[in-house]
Amino acid sequence: KPEDTAMYYCAAGNPARLFFWSDYAYWGQGTQV
């Protein structure tokens, strides 16, 4: 859907909160959709 338009990033870590970006230590550069 058009609302899926975004830069998509992958992240890795041991988060306390699953969908909180600040809880992740490792990130990719992103890929545009």
PDB file of all heavy atoms in Angstrom:
ATOM      1  N   LYS A   1       0.836  -1.189   0.000  1.00  0.00           N
ATOM      2  CA  LYS A   1       0.000   0.000   0.000  1.00  0.00           C
ATOM      3  C   LYS A   1       0.875   1.243   0.000  1.00  0.00           C
ATOM      4  O   LYS A   1       2.018   1.197   0.448  1.00  0.00           O
ATOM      5  CB  LYS A   1      -0.889   0.018   1.249  1.00  0.00           C
ATOM      6  CG  LYS A   1      -1.751  -1.217   1.424  1.00  0.00           C
ATOM      7  CD  LYS A   1      -2.498  -1.165   2.751  1.00  0.00           C
ATOM      8  CE  LYS A   1      -3.357  -2.392   2.946  1.00  0.00           C
ATOM      9  NZ  LYS A   1      -4.088  -2.351   4.241  1.00  0.00           N
ATOM     10  N   PRO A   2       0.350   2.366  -0.474  1.00  0.00           N
ATOM     11  CA  PRO A   2       1.138   3.602  -0.443  1.00  0.00           C
ATOM     12  C   PRO A   2       1.662   3.948   0.944  1.00  0.00           C
ATOM     13  O   PRO A   2       2.765   4.494   1.058  1.00  0.00           O
ATOM     14  CB  PRO A   2       0.142   4.657  -0.950  1.00  0.00           C
ATOM     15  CG  PRO A   2      -0.748   3.891  -1.868  1.00  0.00           C
ATOM     16  CD  PRO A   2      -0.921   2.544  -1.205  1.00  0.00           C
ATOM     17  N   GLU A   3       0.917   3.631   1.981  1.00  0.00           N
ATOM     18  CA  GLU A   3       1.361   3.920   3.336  1.00  0.00           C
ATOM     19  C   GLU A   3       2.523   3.052   3.795  1.00  0.00           C
ATOM     20  O   GLU A   3       3.092   3.283   4.867  1.00  0.00           O
ATOM     21  CB  GLU A   3       0.205   3.814   4.340  1.00  0.00           C
ATOM     22  CG  GLU A   3      -0.547   2.494   4.276  1.00  0.00           C
ATOM     23  CD  GLU A   3      -1.821   2.582   3.463  1.00  0.00           C
ATOM     24  OE1 GLU A   3      -1.788   3.188   2.374  1.00  0.00           O
ATOM     25  OE2 GLU A   3      -2.855   2.045   3.917  1.00  0.00           O
ATOM     26  N   ASP A   4       2.901   2.047   3.006  1.00  0.00           N
ATOM     27  CA  ASP A   4       4.091   1.259   3.289  1.00  0.00           C
ATOM     28  C   ASP A   4       5.363   1.959   2.815  1.00  0.00           C
ATOM     29  O   ASP A   4       6.468   1.476   3.095  1.00  0.00           O
ATOM     30  CB  ASP A   4       4.008  -0.116   2.630  1.00  0.00           C
ATOM     31  CG  ASP A   4       2.890  -0.974   3.200  1.00  0.00           C
ATOM     32  OD1 ASP A   4       2.698  -0.969   4.434  1.00  0.00           O
ATOM     33  OD2 ASP A   4       2.212  -1.661   2.407  1.00  0.00           O
ATOM     34  N   THR A   5       5.214   3.046   2.105  1.00  0.00           N
ATOM     35  CA  THR A   5       6.370   3.788   1.607  1.00  0.00           C
ATOM     36  C   THR A   5       7.221   4.288   2.769  1.00  0.00           C
ATOM     37  O   THR A   5       6.729   4.974   3.658  1.00  0.00           O
ATOM     38  CB  THR A   5       5.918   4.972   0.745  1.00  0.00           C
ATOM     39  OG1 THR A   5       5.256   4.481  -0.424  1.00  0.00           O
ATOM     40  CG2 THR A   5       7.111   5.817   0.321  1.00  0.00           C
ATOM     41  N   ALA A   6       8.496   3.925   2.762  1.00  0.00           N
ATOM     42  CA  ALA A   6       9.400   4.293   3.853  1.00  0.00           C
ATOM     43  C   ALA A   6      10.796   3.774   3.550  1.00  0.00           C
ATOM     44  O   ALA A   6      11.001   2.968   2.648  1.00  0.00           O
ATOM     45  CB  ALA A   6       8.919   3.704   5.178  1.00  0.00           C
ATOM     46  N   MET A   7      11.750   4.254   4.333  1.00  0.00           N
ATOM     47  CA  MET A   7      13.062   3.635   4.372  1.00  0.00           C
ATOM     48  C   MET A   7      12.984   2.480   5.367  1.00  0.00           C
ATOM     49  O   MET A   7      12.565   2.671   6.507  1.00  0.00           O
ATOM     50  CB  MET A   7      14.122   4.643   4.800  1.00  0.00           C
ATOM     51  CG  MET A   7      15.544   4.098   4.790  1.00  0.00           C
ATOM     52  SD  MET A   7      16.195   3.867   3.112  1.00  0.00           S
ATOM     53  CE  MET A   7      16.528   5.573   2.651  1.00  0.00           C
ATOM     54  N   TYR A   8      13.382   1.305   4.916  1.00  0.00           N
ATOM     55  CA  TYR A   8      13.327   0.123   5.758  1.00  0.00           C
ATOM     56  C   TYR A   8      14.717  -0.235   6.263  1.00  0.00           C
ATOM     57  O   TYR A   8      15.674  -0.290   5.488  1.00  0.00           O
ATOM     58  CB  TYR A   8      12.745  -1.062   4.987  1.00  0.00           C
ATOM     59  CG  TYR A   8      11.242  -0.988   4.838  1.00  0.00           C
ATOM     60  CD1 TYR A   8      10.657  -0.057   3.994  1.00  0.00           C
ATOM     61  CD2 TYR A   8      10.404  -1.844   5.557  1.00  0.00           C
ATOM     62  CE1 TYR A   8       9.289   0.033   3.868  1.00  0.00           C
ATOM     63  CE2 TYR A   8       9.026  -1.766   5.436  1.00  0.00           C
ATOM     64  CZ  TYR A   8       8.474  -0.829   4.596  1.00  0.00           C
ATOM     65  OH  TYR A   8       7.104  -0.742   4.466  1.00  0.00           O
ATOM     66  N   TYR A   9      14.811  -0.489   7.563  1.00  0.00           N
ATOM     67  CA  TYR A   9      16.071  -0.817   8.211  1.00  0.00           C
ATOM     68  C   TYR A   9      15.970  -2.163   8.915  1.00  0.00           C
ATOM     69  O   TYR A   9      14.923  -2.511   9.455  1.00  0.00           O
ATOM     70  CB  TYR A   9      16.424   0.223   9.284  1.00  0.00           C
ATOM     71  CG  TYR A   9      16.550   1.638   8.802  1.00  0.00           C
ATOM     72  CD1 TYR A   9      15.445   2.480   8.764  1.00  0.00           C
ATOM     73  CD2 TYR A   9      17.783   2.139   8.415  1.00  0.00           C
ATOM     74  CE1 TYR A   9      15.559   3.791   8.341  1.00  0.00           C
ATOM     75  CE2 TYR A   9      17.913   3.452   7.991  1.00  0.00           C
ATOM     76  CZ  TYR A   9      16.794   4.269   7.956  1.00  0.00           C
ATOM     77  OH  TYR A   9      16.920   5.568   7.543  1.00  0.00           O
ATOM     78  N   CYS A  10      17.063  -2.900   8.938  1.00  0.00           N
ATOM     79  CA  CYS A  10      17.120  -4.065   9.799  1.00  0.00           C
ATOM     80  C   CYS A  10      17.983  -3.739  11.010  1.00  0.00           C
ATOM     81  O   CYS A  10      18.897  -2.918  10.944  1.00  0.00           O
ATOM     82  CB  CYS A  10      17.639  -5.311   9.070  1.00  0.00           C
ATOM     83  SG  CYS A  10      19.354  -5.255   8.524  1.00  0.00           S
ATOM     84  N   ALA A  11      17.658  -4.377  12.112  1.00  0.00           N
ATOM     85  CA  ALA A  11      18.358  -4.138  13.360  1.00  0.00           C
ATOM     86  C   ALA A  11      18.538  -5.448  14.109  1.00  0.00           C
ATOM     87  O   ALA A  11      17.744  -6.380  13.952  1.00  0.00           O
ATOM     88  CB  ALA A  11      17.585  -3.140  14.225  1.00  0.00           C
ATOM     89  N   ALA A  12      19.562  -5.507  14.930  1.00  0.00           N
ATOM     90  CA  ALA A  12      19.846  -6.696  15.723  1.00  0.00           C
ATOM     91  C   ALA A  12      20.197  -6.295  17.141  1.00  0.00           C
ATOM     92  O   ALA A  12      20.820  -5.255  17.366  1.00  0.00           O
ATOM     93  CB  ALA A  12      20.988  -7.495  15.105  1.00  0.00           C
ATOM     94  N   GLY A  13      19.798  -7.125  18.084  1.00  0.00           N
ATOM     95  CA  GLY A  13      20.134  -6.838  19.458  1.00  0.00           C
ATOM     96  C   GLY A  13      19.377  -7.708  20.433  1.00  0.00           C
ATOM     97  O   GLY A  13      18.766  -8.713  20.064  1.00  0.00           O
ATOM     98  N   ASN A  14      19.448  -7.312  21.670  1.00  0.00           N
ATOM     99  CA  ASN A  14      18.734  -7.970  22.756  1.00  0.00           C
ATOM    100  C   ASN A  14      17.827  -6.938  23.409  1.00  0.00           C
ATOM    101  O   ASN A  14      18.108  -6.462  24.513  1.00  0.00           O
ATOM    102  CB  ASN A  14      19.716  -8.558  23.762  1.00  0.00           C
ATOM    103  CG  ASN A  14      20.598  -9.632  23.155  1.00  0.00           C
ATOM    104  OD1 ASN A  14      20.107 -10.566  22.529  1.00  0.00           O
ATOM    105  ND2 ASN A  14      21.908  -9.502  23.339  1.00  0.00           N
ATOM    106  N   PRO A  15      16.742  -6.581  22.742  1.00  0.00           N
ATOM    107  CA  PRO A  15      15.907  -5.482  23.220  1.00  0.00           C
ATOM    108  C   PRO A  15      15.061  -5.852  24.426  1.00  0.00           C
ATOM    109  O   PRO A  15      14.600  -6.988  24.551  1.00  0.00           O
ATOM    110  CB  PRO A  15      15.010  -5.187  22.016  1.00  0.00           C
ATOM    111  CG  PRO A  15      14.853  -6.526  21.358  1.00  0.00           C
ATOM    112  CD  PRO A  15      16.204  -7.180  21.515  1.00  0.00           C
ATOM    113  N   ALA A  16      14.852  -4.875  25.281  1.00  0.00           N
ATOM    114  CA  ALA A  16      13.884  -5.032  26.353  1.00  0.00           C
ATOM    115  C   ALA A  16      12.475  -4.863  25.808  1.00  0.00           C
ATOM    116  O   ALA A  16      11.532  -5.482  26.300  1.00  0.00           O
ATOM    117  CB  ALA A  16      14.149  -4.013  27.463  1.00  0.00           C
ATOM    118  N   ARG A  17      12.352  -4.012  24.774  1.00  0.00           N
ATOM    119  CA  ARG A  17      11.073  -3.745  24.127  1.00  0.00           C
ATOM    120  C   ARG A  17      11.232  -3.995  22.636  1.00  0.00           C
ATOM    121  O   ARG A  17      12.057  -3.363  21.979  1.00  0.00           O
ATOM    122  CB  ARG A  17      10.639  -2.313  24.405  1.00  0.00           C
ATOM    123  CG  ARG A  17      10.465  -2.009  25.888  1.00  0.00           C
ATOM    124  CD  ARG A  17      10.425  -0.523  26.162  1.00  0.00           C
ATOM    125  NE  ARG A  17      11.699   0.117  25.867  1.00  0.00           N
ATOM    126  CZ  ARG A  17      11.925   1.422  25.980  1.00  0.00           C
ATOM    127  NH1 ARG A  17      10.956   2.232  26.391  1.00  0.00           N
ATOM    128  NH2 ARG A  17      13.128   1.917  25.688  1.00  0.00           N
ATOM    129  N   LEU A  18      10.447  -4.877  22.103  1.00  0.00           N
ATOM    130  CA  LEU A  18      10.666  -5.430  20.777  1.00  0.00           C
ATOM    131  C   LEU A  18      10.703  -4.397  19.666  1.00  0.00           C
ATOM    132  O   LEU A  18      11.558  -4.465  18.778  1.00  0.00           O
ATOM    133  CB  LEU A  18       9.582  -6.468  20.481  1.00  0.00           C
ATOM    134  CG  LEU A  18       9.882  -7.511  19.416  1.00  0.00           C
ATOM    135  CD1 LEU A  18      11.097  -8.335  19.795  1.00  0.00           C
ATOM    136  CD2 LEU A  18       8.663  -8.420  19.236  1.00  0.00           C
ATOM    137  N   PHE A  19       9.796  -3.448  19.683  1.00  0.00           N
ATOM    138  CA  PHE A  19       9.670  -2.482  18.594  1.00  0.00           C
ATOM    139  C   PHE A  19      10.112  -1.076  18.978  1.00  0.00           C
ATOM    140  O   PHE A  19       9.667  -0.099  18.381  1.00  0.00           O
ATOM    141  CB  PHE A  19       8.241  -2.462  18.068  1.00  0.00           C
ATOM    142  CG  PHE A  19       7.857  -3.688  17.276  1.00  0.00           C
ATOM    143  CD1 PHE A  19       6.538  -4.116  17.239  1.00  0.00           C
ATOM    144  CD2 PHE A  19       8.803  -4.401  16.571  1.00  0.00           C
ATOM    145  CE1 PHE A  19       6.172  -5.234  16.507  1.00  0.00           C
ATOM    146  CE2 PHE A  19       8.455  -5.529  15.843  1.00  0.00           C
ATOM    147  CZ  PHE A  19       7.128  -5.942  15.809  1.00  0.00           C
ATOM    148  N   PHE A  20      11.029  -0.987  19.917  1.00  0.00           N
ATOM    149  CA  PHE A  20      11.610   0.294  20.299  1.00  0.00           C
ATOM    150  C   PHE A  20      13.016   0.385  19.717  1.00  0.00           C
ATOM    151  O   PHE A  20      13.913  -0.362  20.106  1.00  0.00           O
ATOM    152  CB  PHE A  20      11.661   0.449  21.812  1.00  0.00           C
ATOM    153  CG  PHE A  20      10.352   0.853  22.431  1.00  0.00           C
ATOM    154  CD1 PHE A  20       9.250   0.024  22.361  1.00  0.00           C
ATOM    155  CD2 PHE A  20      10.228   2.075  23.076  1.00  0.00           C
ATOM    156  CE1 PHE A  20       8.038   0.393  22.932  1.00  0.00           C
ATOM    157  CE2 PHE A  20       9.027   2.454  23.652  1.00  0.00           C
ATOM    158  CZ  PHE A  20       7.927   1.610  23.577  1.00  0.00           C
ATOM    159  N   TRP A  21      13.199   1.311  18.778  1.00  0.00           N
ATOM    160  CA  TRP A  21      14.469   1.395  18.058  1.00  0.00           C
ATOM    161  C   TRP A  21      15.659   1.658  18.965  1.00  0.00           C
ATOM    162  O   TRP A  21      16.773   1.189  18.694  1.00  0.00           O
ATOM    163  CB  TRP A  21      14.402   2.475  16.966  1.00  0.00           C
ATOM    164  CG  TRP A  21      14.284   3.874  17.488  1.00  0.00           C
ATOM    165  CD1 TRP A  21      13.146   4.571  17.722  1.00  0.00           C
ATOM    166  CD2 TRP A  21      15.370   4.729  17.851  1.00  0.00           C
ATOM    167  NE1 TRP A  21      13.442   5.823  18.208  1.00  0.00           N
ATOM    168  CE2 TRP A  21      14.805   5.948  18.289  1.00  0.00           C
ATOM    169  CE3 TRP A  21      16.770   4.597  17.832  1.00  0.00           C
ATOM    170  CZ2 TRP A  21      15.581   7.019  18.727  1.00  0.00           C
ATOM    171  CZ3 TRP A  21      17.546   5.662  18.268  1.00  0.00           C
ATOM    172  CH2 TRP A  21      16.954   6.847  18.702  1.00  0.00           C
ATOM    173  N   SER A  22      15.437   2.395  20.056  1.00  0.00           N
ATOM    174  CA  SER A  22      16.532   2.742  20.953  1.00  0.00           C
ATOM    175  C   SER A  22      17.073   1.537  21.718  1.00  0.00           C
ATOM    176  O   SER A  22      18.136   1.627  22.333  1.00  0.00           O
ATOM    177  CB  SER A  22      16.086   3.825  21.935  1.00  0.00           C
ATOM    178  OG  SER A  22      14.989   3.387  22.721  1.00  0.00           O
ATOM    179  N   ASP A  23      16.369   0.416  21.681  1.00  0.00           N
ATOM    180  CA  ASP A  23      16.814  -0.790  22.381  1.00  0.00           C
ATOM    181  C   ASP A  23      17.726  -1.669  21.534  1.00  0.00           C
ATOM    182  O   ASP A  23      18.178  -2.711  22.013  1.00  0.00           O
ATOM    183  CB  ASP A  23      15.608  -1.617  22.837  1.00  0.00           C
ATOM    184  CG  ASP A  23      14.917  -1.026  24.057  1.00  0.00           C
ATOM    185  OD1 ASP A  23      15.319   0.049  24.527  1.00  0.00           O
ATOM    186  OD2 ASP A  23      13.955  -1.663  24.543  1.00  0.00           O
ATOM    187  N   TYR A  24      18.002  -1.270  20.296  1.00  0.00           N
ATOM    188  CA  TYR A  24      18.823  -2.077  19.399  1.00  0.00           C
ATOM    189  C   TYR A  24      20.211  -1.482  19.216  1.00  0.00           C
ATOM    190  O   TYR A  24      20.363  -0.264  19.082  1.00  0.00           O
ATOM    191  CB  TYR A  24      18.144  -2.232  18.037  1.00  0.00           C
ATOM    192  CG  TYR A  24      16.962  -3.162  18.092  1.00  0.00           C
ATOM    193  CD1 TYR A  24      15.737  -2.727  18.567  1.00  0.00           C
ATOM    194  CD2 TYR A  24      17.084  -4.486  17.680  1.00  0.00           C
ATOM    195  CE1 TYR A  24      14.654  -3.588  18.637  1.00  0.00           C
ATOM    196  CE2 TYR A  24      16.004  -5.350  17.741  1.00  0.00           C
ATOM    197  CZ  TYR A  24      14.795  -4.891  18.221  1.00  0.00           C
ATOM    198  OH  TYR A  24      13.723  -5.750  18.288  1.00  0.00           O
ATOM    199  N   ALA A  25      21.204  -2.360  19.166  1.00  0.00           N
ATOM    200  CA  ALA A  25      22.594  -1.924  19.106  1.00  0.00           C
ATOM    201  C   ALA A  25      23.150  -1.854  17.688  1.00  0.00           C
ATOM    202  O   ALA A  25      24.046  -1.051  17.417  1.00  0.00           O
ATOM    203  CB  ALA A  25      23.467  -2.856  19.949  1.00  0.00           C
ATOM    204  N   TYR A  26      22.641  -2.681  16.772  1.00  0.00           N
ATOM    205  CA  TYR A  26      23.205  -2.780  15.436  1.00  0.00           C
ATOM    206  C   TYR A  26      22.157  -2.468  14.376  1.00  0.00           C
ATOM    207  O   TYR A  26      21.029  -2.961  14.442  1.00  0.00           O
ATOM    208  CB  TYR A  26      23.784  -4.176  15.202  1.00  0.00           C
ATOM    209  CG  TYR A  26      24.861  -4.532  16.193  1.00  0.00           C
ATOM    210  CD1 TYR A  26      24.586  -5.351  17.281  1.00  0.00           C
ATOM    211  CD2 TYR A  26      26.149  -4.036  16.041  1.00  0.00           C
ATOM    212  CE1 TYR A  26      25.566  -5.665  18.202  1.00  0.00           C
ATOM    213  CE2 TYR A  26      27.138  -4.345  16.959  1.00  0.00           C
ATOM    214  CZ  TYR A  26      26.842  -5.162  18.037  1.00  0.00           C
ATOM    215  OH  TYR A  26      27.820  -5.473  18.950  1.00  0.00           O
ATOM    216  N   TRP A  27      22.567  -1.689  13.377  1.00  0.00           N
ATOM    217  CA  TRP A  27      21.665  -1.207  12.331  1.00  0.00           C
ATOM    218  C   TRP A  27      22.300  -1.265  10.964  1.00  0.00           C
ATOM    219  O   TRP A  27      23.509  -1.098  10.814  1.00  0.00           O
ATOM    220  CB  TRP A  27      21.260   0.235  12.612  1.00  0.00           C
ATOM    221  CG  TRP A  27      20.384   0.383  13.802  1.00  0.00           C
ATOM    222  CD1 TRP A  27      20.773   0.520  15.097  1.00  0.00           C
ATOM    223  CD2 TRP A  27      18.955   0.396  13.802  1.00  0.00           C
ATOM    224  NE1 TRP A  27      19.673   0.625  15.915  1.00  0.00           N
ATOM    225  CE2 TRP A  27      18.554   0.550  15.145  1.00  0.00           C
ATOM    226  CE3 TRP A  27      17.989   0.302  12.801  1.00  0.00           C
ATOM    227  CZ2 TRP A  27      17.202   0.605  15.498  1.00  0.00           C
ATOM    228  CZ3 TRP A  27      16.655   0.357  13.155  1.00  0.00           C
ATOM    229  CH2 TRP A  27      16.278   0.514  14.494  1.00  0.00           C
ATOM    230  N   GLY A  28      21.448  -1.490   9.961  1.00  0.00           N
ATOM    231  CA  GLY A  28      21.876  -1.361   8.590  1.00  0.00           C
ATOM    232  C   GLY A  28      21.686   0.052   8.093  1.00  0.00           C
ATOM    233  O   GLY A  28      21.231   0.944   8.822  1.00  0.00           O
ATOM    234  N   GLN A  29      22.028   0.278   6.820  1.00  0.00           N
ATOM    235  CA  GLN A  29      21.966   1.618   6.240  1.00  0.00           C
ATOM    236  C   GLN A  29      20.594   1.968   5.681  1.00  0.00           C
ATOM    237  O   GLN A  29      20.324   3.135   5.398  1.00  0.00           O
ATOM    238  CB  GLN A  29      23.020   1.758   5.135  1.00  0.00           C
ATOM    239  CG  GLN A  29      22.609   1.216   3.765  1.00  0.00           C
ATOM    240  CD  GLN A  29      22.475  -0.292   3.704  1.00  0.00           C
ATOM    241  OE1 GLN A  29      23.012  -1.022   4.542  1.00  0.00           O
ATOM    242  NE2 GLN A  29      21.753  -0.784   2.700  1.00  0.00           N
ATOM    243  N   GLY A  30      19.744   0.975   5.522  1.00  0.00           N
ATOM    244  CA  GLY A  30      18.404   1.192   5.016  1.00  0.00           C
ATOM    245  C   GLY A  30      18.264   0.925   3.536  1.00  0.00           C
ATOM    246  O   GLY A  30      19.220   1.037   2.771  1.00  0.00           O
ATOM    247  N   THR A  31      17.051   0.559   3.129  1.00  0.00           N
ATOM    248  CA  THR A  31      16.724   0.387   1.721  1.00  0.00           C
ATOM    249  C   THR A  31      15.342   0.983   1.482  1.00  0.00           C
ATOM    250  O   THR A  31      14.414   0.778   2.273  1.00  0.00           O
ATOM    251  CB  THR A  31      16.785  -1.103   1.311  1.00  0.00           C
ATOM    252  OG1 THR A  31      16.591  -1.226  -0.102  1.00  0.00           O
ATOM    253  CG2 THR A  31      15.746  -1.944   2.043  1.00  0.00           C
ATOM    254  N   GLN A  32      15.208   1.746   0.412  1.00  0.00           N
ATOM    255  CA  GLN A  32      14.000   2.530   0.183  1.00  0.00           C
ATOM    256  C   GLN A  32      12.929   1.715  -0.517  1.00  0.00           C
ATOM    257  O   GLN A  32      13.176   1.077  -1.541  1.00  0.00           O
ATOM    258  CB  GLN A  32      14.323   3.771  -0.655  1.00  0.00           C
ATOM    259  CG  GLN A  32      13.116   4.646  -0.976  1.00  0.00           C
ATOM    260  CD  GLN A  32      12.536   5.315   0.252  1.00  0.00           C
ATOM    261  OE1 GLN A  32      13.278   5.756   1.128  1.00  0.00           O
ATOM    262  NE2 GLN A  32      11.202   5.382   0.325  1.00  0.00           N
ATOM    263  N   VAL A  33      11.717   1.767   0.028  1.00  0.00           N
ATOM    264  CA  VAL A  33      10.544   1.168  -0.592  1.00  0.00           C
ATOM    265  C   VAL A  33       9.551   2.280  -0.897  1.00  0.00           C
ATOM    266  O   VAL A  33       9.173   3.047  -0.006  1.00  0.00           O
ATOM    267  CB  VAL A  33       9.879   0.120   0.320  1.00  0.00           C
ATOM    268  CG1 VAL A  33       8.555  -0.356  -0.276  1.00  0.00           C
ATOM    269  CG2 VAL A  33      10.817  -1.059   0.541  1.00  0.00           C
TER     270      VAL A  33
END
